[in-house]
N, C-alpha and C. Protein backbone atom coordinates (compact mmCIF):
# COMPACT_ATOMS: atom_id res chain seq x y z
N VAL A 1 -1.06 1.18 14.89
CA VAL A 1 -0.18 0.10 15.29
C VAL A 1 1.06 0.07 14.40
N LYS A 2 0.84 0.24 13.09
CA LYS A 2 1.99 0.23 12.18
C LYS A 2 2.93 1.40 12.48
N ARG A 3 2.37 2.55 12.82
CA ARG A 3 3.19 3.72 13.13
C ARG A 3 4.01 3.47 14.40
N VAL A 4 3.41 2.85 15.40
CA VAL A 4 4.12 2.53 16.64
C VAL A 4 5.27 1.57 16.33
N ASP A 5 4.99 0.56 15.51
CA ASP A 5 6.05 -0.38 15.11
C ASP A 5 7.19 0.35 14.41
N SER A 6 6.85 1.25 13.51
CA SER A 6 7.86 2.00 12.77
C SER A 6 8.72 2.83 13.71
N MET A 7 8.10 3.49 14.66
CA MET A 7 8.86 4.31 15.61
C MET A 7 9.73 3.44 16.51
N ARG A 8 9.19 2.30 16.96
CA ARG A 8 9.98 1.38 17.80
C ARG A 8 11.18 0.85 17.04
N ARG A 9 10.97 0.50 15.78
CA ARG A 9 12.07 -0.05 14.97
C ARG A 9 13.18 0.99 14.79
N LYS A 10 12.80 2.23 14.50
CA LYS A 10 13.80 3.28 14.33
C LYS A 10 14.58 3.52 15.61
N GLU A 11 13.88 3.51 16.74
CA GLU A 11 14.54 3.74 18.02
C GLU A 11 15.51 2.60 18.35
N ILE A 12 15.07 1.37 18.14
CA ILE A 12 15.94 0.22 18.41
C ILE A 12 17.15 0.24 17.48
N ALA A 13 16.92 0.56 16.20
CA ALA A 13 18.02 0.60 15.23
C ALA A 13 19.02 1.69 15.59
N ALA A 14 18.54 2.84 16.04
CA ALA A 14 19.43 3.94 16.38
C ALA A 14 20.32 3.59 17.57
N ASN A 15 19.83 2.77 18.47
CA ASN A 15 20.58 2.42 19.68
C ASN A 15 21.28 1.07 19.59
N ALA A 16 21.16 0.40 18.47
CA ALA A 16 21.76 -0.93 18.31
C ALA A 16 23.28 -0.81 18.15
N PRO A 17 24.00 -1.78 18.70
CA PRO A 17 25.46 -1.76 18.53
C PRO A 17 25.85 -1.96 17.07
N ARG A 18 26.88 -1.25 16.67
CA ARG A 18 27.38 -1.35 15.30
C ARG A 18 28.72 -2.06 15.30
N GLU A 19 28.97 -2.76 14.23
CA GLU A 19 30.21 -3.52 14.10
C GLU A 19 30.77 -3.26 12.71
N THR A 20 32.03 -2.92 12.64
CA THR A 20 32.67 -2.70 11.35
C THR A 20 33.43 -3.97 10.97
N VAL A 21 33.11 -4.48 9.78
CA VAL A 21 33.73 -5.72 9.31
C VAL A 21 34.23 -5.53 7.89
N THR A 22 35.19 -6.35 7.54
CA THR A 22 35.68 -6.38 6.16
C THR A 22 35.24 -7.71 5.57
N LEU A 23 34.48 -7.65 4.52
CA LEU A 23 33.98 -8.85 3.89
C LEU A 23 35.01 -9.43 2.94
N PRO A 24 35.04 -10.75 2.78
CA PRO A 24 35.99 -11.37 1.86
C PRO A 24 35.78 -10.84 0.44
N GLY A 25 36.88 -10.46 -0.20
CA GLY A 25 36.82 -9.98 -1.57
C GLY A 25 36.44 -8.52 -1.70
N ASN A 26 36.22 -7.84 -0.57
CA ASN A 26 35.86 -6.42 -0.59
C ASN A 26 36.75 -5.68 0.40
N PRO A 27 37.70 -4.86 -0.09
CA PRO A 27 38.64 -4.19 0.82
C PRO A 27 38.01 -3.04 1.62
N VAL A 28 36.82 -2.61 1.24
CA VAL A 28 36.18 -1.49 1.93
C VAL A 28 35.43 -2.01 3.16
N PRO A 29 35.73 -1.48 4.35
CA PRO A 29 35.01 -1.92 5.56
C PRO A 29 33.52 -1.57 5.47
N VAL A 30 32.71 -2.41 6.06
CA VAL A 30 31.25 -2.24 6.06
C VAL A 30 30.78 -2.21 7.52
N THR A 31 29.85 -1.30 7.79
CA THR A 31 29.26 -1.26 9.13
C THR A 31 28.01 -2.12 9.14
N ARG A 32 27.96 -3.00 10.10
CA ARG A 32 26.84 -3.93 10.20
C ARG A 32 26.08 -3.65 11.50
N VAL A 33 24.75 -3.59 11.36
CA VAL A 33 23.87 -3.38 12.51
C VAL A 33 22.91 -4.55 12.56
N SER A 34 22.78 -5.14 13.74
CA SER A 34 21.89 -6.28 13.90
C SER A 34 21.12 -6.10 15.20
N PHE A 35 19.80 -6.26 15.11
CA PHE A 35 18.99 -6.11 16.33
C PHE A 35 17.72 -6.93 16.20
N PRO A 36 17.26 -7.48 17.32
CA PRO A 36 16.00 -8.24 17.28
C PRO A 36 14.81 -7.29 17.26
N PHE A 37 13.82 -7.63 16.44
CA PHE A 37 12.63 -6.79 16.38
C PHE A 37 11.46 -7.64 15.93
N ALA A 38 10.40 -7.65 16.71
CA ALA A 38 9.18 -8.37 16.35
C ALA A 38 8.04 -7.37 16.28
N PRO A 39 7.56 -7.05 15.09
CA PRO A 39 6.49 -6.07 14.95
C PRO A 39 5.19 -6.51 15.63
N ILE A 40 4.53 -5.58 16.28
CA ILE A 40 3.26 -5.84 16.94
C ILE A 40 2.19 -6.22 15.90
N VAL A 41 2.28 -5.62 14.71
CA VAL A 41 1.25 -5.89 13.70
C VAL A 41 1.17 -7.37 13.34
N GLN A 42 2.28 -8.08 13.44
CA GLN A 42 2.24 -9.51 13.14
C GLN A 42 1.38 -10.25 14.15
N ASN A 43 1.42 -9.82 15.41
CA ASN A 43 0.56 -10.44 16.43
C ASN A 43 -0.91 -10.18 16.13
N PHE A 44 -1.25 -8.94 15.77
CA PHE A 44 -2.63 -8.61 15.42
C PHE A 44 -3.08 -9.45 14.24
N SER A 45 -2.23 -9.53 13.23
CA SER A 45 -2.56 -10.30 12.03
C SER A 45 -2.81 -11.77 12.37
N THR A 46 -1.95 -12.33 13.19
CA THR A 46 -2.07 -13.73 13.57
C THR A 46 -3.37 -13.99 14.32
N GLU A 47 -3.70 -13.11 15.25
CA GLU A 47 -4.94 -13.29 16.03
C GLU A 47 -6.17 -13.22 15.14
N LEU A 48 -6.21 -12.23 14.26
CA LEU A 48 -7.36 -12.11 13.35
C LEU A 48 -7.45 -13.33 12.44
N ASN A 49 -6.31 -13.78 11.93
CA ASN A 49 -6.30 -14.96 11.07
C ASN A 49 -6.78 -16.19 11.82
N ASN A 50 -6.33 -16.35 13.06
CA ASN A 50 -6.76 -17.52 13.85
C ASN A 50 -8.27 -17.53 14.06
N HIS A 51 -8.85 -16.37 14.32
CA HIS A 51 -10.30 -16.29 14.48
C HIS A 51 -11.01 -16.65 13.17
N ALA A 52 -10.52 -16.10 12.07
CA ALA A 52 -11.13 -16.39 10.77
C ALA A 52 -11.03 -17.87 10.45
N PHE A 53 -9.88 -18.47 10.73
CA PHE A 53 -9.69 -19.88 10.42
C PHE A 53 -10.58 -20.77 11.29
N THR A 54 -10.77 -20.38 12.53
CA THR A 54 -11.66 -21.13 13.42
C THR A 54 -13.09 -21.14 12.85
N ILE A 55 -13.54 -19.99 12.40
CA ILE A 55 -14.87 -19.92 11.79
C ILE A 55 -14.91 -20.79 10.53
N TYR A 56 -13.88 -20.70 9.71
CA TYR A 56 -13.81 -21.52 8.48
C TYR A 56 -13.92 -23.01 8.82
N THR A 57 -13.24 -23.41 9.88
CA THR A 57 -13.19 -24.82 10.27
C THR A 57 -14.54 -25.35 10.78
N PHE A 58 -15.26 -24.51 11.52
CA PHE A 58 -16.43 -25.02 12.23
C PHE A 58 -17.78 -24.72 11.60
N THR A 59 -17.84 -23.88 10.59
CA THR A 59 -19.15 -23.60 9.99
C THR A 59 -19.01 -23.23 8.52
N LYS A 60 -20.06 -23.51 7.78
CA LYS A 60 -20.14 -23.09 6.38
C LYS A 60 -21.27 -22.08 6.18
N ASP A 61 -21.85 -21.64 7.28
CA ASP A 61 -22.94 -20.67 7.24
C ASP A 61 -22.46 -19.39 6.55
N PRO A 62 -23.16 -18.92 5.52
CA PRO A 62 -22.73 -17.72 4.78
C PRO A 62 -22.57 -16.48 5.66
N PHE A 63 -23.42 -16.35 6.67
CA PHE A 63 -23.30 -15.20 7.57
C PHE A 63 -21.94 -15.20 8.26
N TYR A 64 -21.54 -16.36 8.79
CA TYR A 64 -20.26 -16.45 9.49
C TYR A 64 -19.08 -16.45 8.52
N THR A 65 -19.30 -16.97 7.33
CA THR A 65 -18.24 -16.89 6.31
C THR A 65 -17.93 -15.43 6.00
N ASP A 66 -18.95 -14.60 5.89
CA ASP A 66 -18.73 -13.16 5.64
C ASP A 66 -17.98 -12.51 6.80
N LYS A 67 -18.33 -12.88 8.02
CA LYS A 67 -17.62 -12.35 9.20
C LYS A 67 -16.15 -12.77 9.16
N ALA A 68 -15.93 -14.05 8.86
CA ALA A 68 -14.56 -14.56 8.80
C ALA A 68 -13.77 -13.88 7.69
N LEU A 69 -14.43 -13.63 6.55
CA LEU A 69 -13.77 -12.91 5.46
C LEU A 69 -13.31 -11.53 5.91
N ALA A 70 -14.14 -10.85 6.69
CA ALA A 70 -13.78 -9.52 7.19
C ALA A 70 -12.57 -9.61 8.12
N PHE A 71 -12.56 -10.60 9.04
CA PHE A 71 -11.41 -10.78 9.93
C PHE A 71 -10.15 -11.07 9.12
N SER A 72 -10.30 -11.98 8.15
CA SER A 72 -9.15 -12.40 7.36
C SER A 72 -8.59 -11.26 6.52
N LYS A 73 -9.49 -10.51 5.90
CA LYS A 73 -9.04 -9.37 5.09
C LYS A 73 -8.30 -8.35 5.95
N ARG A 74 -8.82 -8.11 7.14
CA ARG A 74 -8.17 -7.16 8.06
C ARG A 74 -6.80 -7.67 8.48
N SER A 75 -6.67 -8.98 8.67
CA SER A 75 -5.36 -9.53 9.05
C SER A 75 -4.34 -9.28 7.95
N LEU A 76 -4.79 -9.33 6.69
CA LEU A 76 -3.87 -9.09 5.57
C LEU A 76 -3.51 -7.61 5.45
N GLU A 77 -4.38 -6.73 5.95
CA GLU A 77 -4.04 -5.31 5.94
C GLU A 77 -2.91 -5.02 6.92
N PHE A 78 -2.84 -5.80 8.00
CA PHE A 78 -1.75 -5.64 8.96
C PHE A 78 -0.46 -6.26 8.45
N TYR A 79 -0.57 -7.51 7.95
CA TYR A 79 0.64 -8.23 7.55
C TYR A 79 0.25 -9.39 6.63
N GLU A 80 0.85 -9.42 5.45
CA GLU A 80 0.57 -10.51 4.50
C GLU A 80 1.54 -11.65 4.72
N SER A 81 1.01 -12.77 5.11
CA SER A 81 1.82 -13.97 5.31
C SER A 81 1.11 -15.15 4.63
N PRO A 82 1.86 -16.17 4.24
CA PRO A 82 1.21 -17.32 3.61
C PRO A 82 0.09 -17.94 4.43
N PRO A 83 0.23 -18.10 5.76
CA PRO A 83 -0.91 -18.68 6.50
C PRO A 83 -2.16 -17.81 6.43
N SER A 84 -2.00 -16.50 6.52
CA SER A 84 -3.15 -15.60 6.44
C SER A 84 -3.76 -15.61 5.04
N ILE A 85 -2.92 -15.64 4.03
CA ILE A 85 -3.40 -15.69 2.65
C ILE A 85 -4.14 -17.01 2.40
N ASP A 86 -3.63 -18.10 2.96
CA ASP A 86 -4.28 -19.41 2.83
C ASP A 86 -5.71 -19.34 3.36
N THR A 87 -5.87 -18.79 4.56
CA THR A 87 -7.21 -18.67 5.16
C THR A 87 -8.12 -17.81 4.30
N TYR A 88 -7.60 -16.68 3.85
CA TYR A 88 -8.40 -15.75 3.05
C TYR A 88 -8.84 -16.40 1.74
N ALA A 89 -7.93 -17.11 1.08
CA ALA A 89 -8.26 -17.78 -0.19
C ALA A 89 -9.33 -18.86 0.03
N ARG A 90 -9.22 -19.61 1.10
CA ARG A 90 -10.22 -20.64 1.39
C ARG A 90 -11.60 -20.01 1.60
N LEU A 91 -11.62 -18.91 2.34
CA LEU A 91 -12.89 -18.23 2.60
C LEU A 91 -13.46 -17.62 1.32
N LEU A 92 -12.60 -17.05 0.49
CA LEU A 92 -13.06 -16.51 -0.79
C LEU A 92 -13.69 -17.60 -1.64
N TYR A 93 -13.05 -18.76 -1.68
CA TYR A 93 -13.57 -19.87 -2.47
C TYR A 93 -14.92 -20.32 -1.92
N ARG A 94 -15.01 -20.39 -0.61
CA ARG A 94 -16.29 -20.78 0.00
C ARG A 94 -17.38 -19.76 -0.34
N ALA A 95 -17.00 -18.49 -0.46
CA ALA A 95 -17.97 -17.43 -0.78
C ALA A 95 -18.24 -17.33 -2.28
N GLY A 96 -17.61 -18.19 -3.09
CA GLY A 96 -17.86 -18.20 -4.52
C GLY A 96 -17.00 -17.23 -5.32
N LYS A 97 -15.96 -16.69 -4.70
CA LYS A 97 -15.07 -15.74 -5.38
C LYS A 97 -13.80 -16.47 -5.82
N ASN A 98 -14.00 -17.37 -6.77
CA ASN A 98 -12.93 -18.29 -7.18
C ASN A 98 -11.71 -17.59 -7.77
N GLU A 99 -11.92 -16.66 -8.67
CA GLU A 99 -10.79 -15.99 -9.33
C GLU A 99 -9.94 -15.22 -8.32
N GLU A 100 -10.62 -14.56 -7.40
CA GLU A 100 -9.89 -13.81 -6.38
C GLU A 100 -9.11 -14.76 -5.47
N ALA A 101 -9.70 -15.91 -5.15
CA ALA A 101 -9.01 -16.90 -4.32
C ALA A 101 -7.74 -17.38 -5.01
N ILE A 102 -7.82 -17.64 -6.31
CA ILE A 102 -6.66 -18.09 -7.08
C ILE A 102 -5.58 -17.01 -7.08
N GLN A 103 -5.96 -15.76 -7.27
CA GLN A 103 -4.98 -14.67 -7.27
C GLN A 103 -4.24 -14.59 -5.94
N TRP A 104 -4.95 -14.76 -4.85
CA TRP A 104 -4.30 -14.71 -3.54
C TRP A 104 -3.36 -15.90 -3.33
N LEU A 105 -3.76 -17.08 -3.78
CA LEU A 105 -2.88 -18.25 -3.65
C LEU A 105 -1.61 -18.07 -4.48
N GLU A 106 -1.75 -17.49 -5.66
CA GLU A 106 -0.57 -17.21 -6.48
C GLU A 106 0.33 -16.19 -5.80
N LYS A 107 -0.26 -15.23 -5.11
CA LYS A 107 0.52 -14.24 -4.36
C LYS A 107 1.29 -14.92 -3.23
N ALA A 108 0.68 -15.86 -2.54
CA ALA A 108 1.36 -16.60 -1.47
C ALA A 108 2.53 -17.39 -2.03
N LEU A 109 2.32 -18.03 -3.17
CA LEU A 109 3.41 -18.77 -3.81
C LEU A 109 4.57 -17.84 -4.16
N ALA A 110 4.24 -16.65 -4.65
CA ALA A 110 5.28 -15.68 -5.02
C ALA A 110 6.04 -15.20 -3.78
N LEU A 111 5.34 -14.97 -2.68
CA LEU A 111 6.01 -14.54 -1.44
C LEU A 111 7.02 -15.58 -0.98
N ILE A 112 6.62 -16.84 -1.05
CA ILE A 112 7.52 -17.93 -0.63
C ILE A 112 8.67 -18.06 -1.61
N ARG A 113 8.35 -18.04 -2.91
CA ARG A 113 9.39 -18.19 -3.95
C ARG A 113 10.43 -17.08 -3.87
N ASP A 114 9.96 -15.84 -3.66
CA ASP A 114 10.87 -14.69 -3.63
C ASP A 114 11.50 -14.49 -2.25
N LYS A 115 11.23 -15.43 -1.34
CA LYS A 115 11.80 -15.39 0.01
C LYS A 115 11.43 -14.12 0.77
N LYS A 116 10.25 -13.59 0.48
CA LYS A 116 9.74 -12.43 1.22
C LYS A 116 8.89 -12.92 2.39
N ALA A 117 8.73 -14.23 2.48
CA ALA A 117 8.00 -14.84 3.59
C ALA A 117 8.70 -16.15 3.91
N PRO A 118 8.66 -16.56 5.17
CA PRO A 118 9.29 -17.84 5.51
C PRO A 118 8.57 -18.99 4.83
N PRO A 119 9.26 -20.09 4.61
CA PRO A 119 8.61 -21.24 4.00
C PRO A 119 7.40 -21.67 4.83
N PHE A 120 6.36 -22.09 4.16
CA PHE A 120 5.13 -22.51 4.82
C PHE A 120 4.66 -23.76 4.11
N PRO A 121 4.45 -24.85 4.85
CA PRO A 121 3.99 -26.06 4.16
C PRO A 121 2.67 -25.79 3.46
N ASN A 122 2.66 -25.97 2.17
CA ASN A 122 1.46 -25.63 1.42
C ASN A 122 1.22 -26.62 0.29
N ASN A 123 0.01 -26.57 -0.20
CA ASN A 123 -0.37 -27.34 -1.38
C ASN A 123 -1.12 -26.40 -2.31
N TYR A 124 -0.61 -25.18 -2.45
CA TYR A 124 -1.29 -24.15 -3.23
C TYR A 124 -1.52 -24.55 -4.69
N PRO A 125 -0.55 -25.16 -5.37
CA PRO A 125 -0.84 -25.57 -6.76
C PRO A 125 -2.03 -26.54 -6.83
N GLU A 126 -2.10 -27.48 -5.89
CA GLU A 126 -3.24 -28.41 -5.86
C GLU A 126 -4.54 -27.65 -5.55
N MET A 127 -4.47 -26.69 -4.63
CA MET A 127 -5.66 -25.90 -4.29
C MET A 127 -6.16 -25.12 -5.50
N ILE A 128 -5.23 -24.54 -6.25
CA ILE A 128 -5.61 -23.77 -7.44
C ILE A 128 -6.31 -24.67 -8.45
N THR A 129 -5.76 -25.87 -8.65
CA THR A 129 -6.37 -26.83 -9.57
C THR A 129 -7.78 -27.21 -9.12
N LYS A 130 -7.94 -27.44 -7.83
CA LYS A 130 -9.26 -27.83 -7.30
C LYS A 130 -10.26 -26.68 -7.40
N ILE A 131 -9.81 -25.45 -7.17
CA ILE A 131 -10.71 -24.30 -7.30
C ILE A 131 -11.18 -24.18 -8.75
N LYS A 132 -10.26 -24.31 -9.68
CA LYS A 132 -10.63 -24.22 -11.10
C LYS A 132 -11.62 -25.31 -11.49
N ALA A 133 -11.49 -26.49 -10.85
CA ALA A 133 -12.38 -27.60 -11.16
C ALA A 133 -13.66 -27.58 -10.32
N GLY A 134 -13.72 -26.68 -9.34
CA GLY A 134 -14.89 -26.60 -8.47
C GLY A 134 -14.98 -27.73 -7.46
N GLU A 135 -13.84 -28.31 -7.13
CA GLU A 135 -13.80 -29.43 -6.20
C GLU A 135 -13.53 -28.93 -4.77
N PRO A 136 -13.84 -29.76 -3.76
CA PRO A 136 -13.53 -29.37 -2.39
C PRO A 136 -12.02 -29.23 -2.19
N LEU A 137 -11.64 -28.30 -1.33
CA LEU A 137 -10.22 -28.09 -1.05
C LEU A 137 -9.69 -29.14 -0.09
N PRO A 138 -8.40 -29.44 -0.18
CA PRO A 138 -7.81 -30.37 0.78
C PRO A 138 -7.81 -29.75 2.18
N GLU A 139 -7.67 -30.57 3.18
CA GLU A 139 -7.64 -30.08 4.56
C GLU A 139 -6.51 -29.08 4.74
N ALA A 140 -6.74 -28.13 5.62
CA ALA A 140 -5.72 -27.12 5.92
C ALA A 140 -4.67 -27.70 6.84
N HIS A 141 -3.50 -27.09 6.82
CA HIS A 141 -2.39 -27.52 7.67
C HIS A 141 -2.59 -27.05 9.08
């Protein structure tokens, strides 16, 4: 799927209209290319994350938590986004993998801070504090 996305992106970029502009304060013209592109992998990631989150919401059974962890981990292999990381961290915490859950929440905070991911309403600092204290997590968004 990632390879198909890569090939589609290259093809769209090669055929995209180009525009030459001069930016303020820079006398050298710059060629600008702009094209819409939505990777398929993001859809796969979202679907897997939604399934994992549904399991997280409706059961605490360890068998299903393990299944949800597998879905969630696979979603992150396709595309790392704060919502997917949120689900994965919650499931890790439920499975008793507290340190790993904290690491993933810190990664989500870094993605948002560094603008490598769109803003996502979160309470990750509060979640990290609660995980360290062994308290229940706040409700998900």
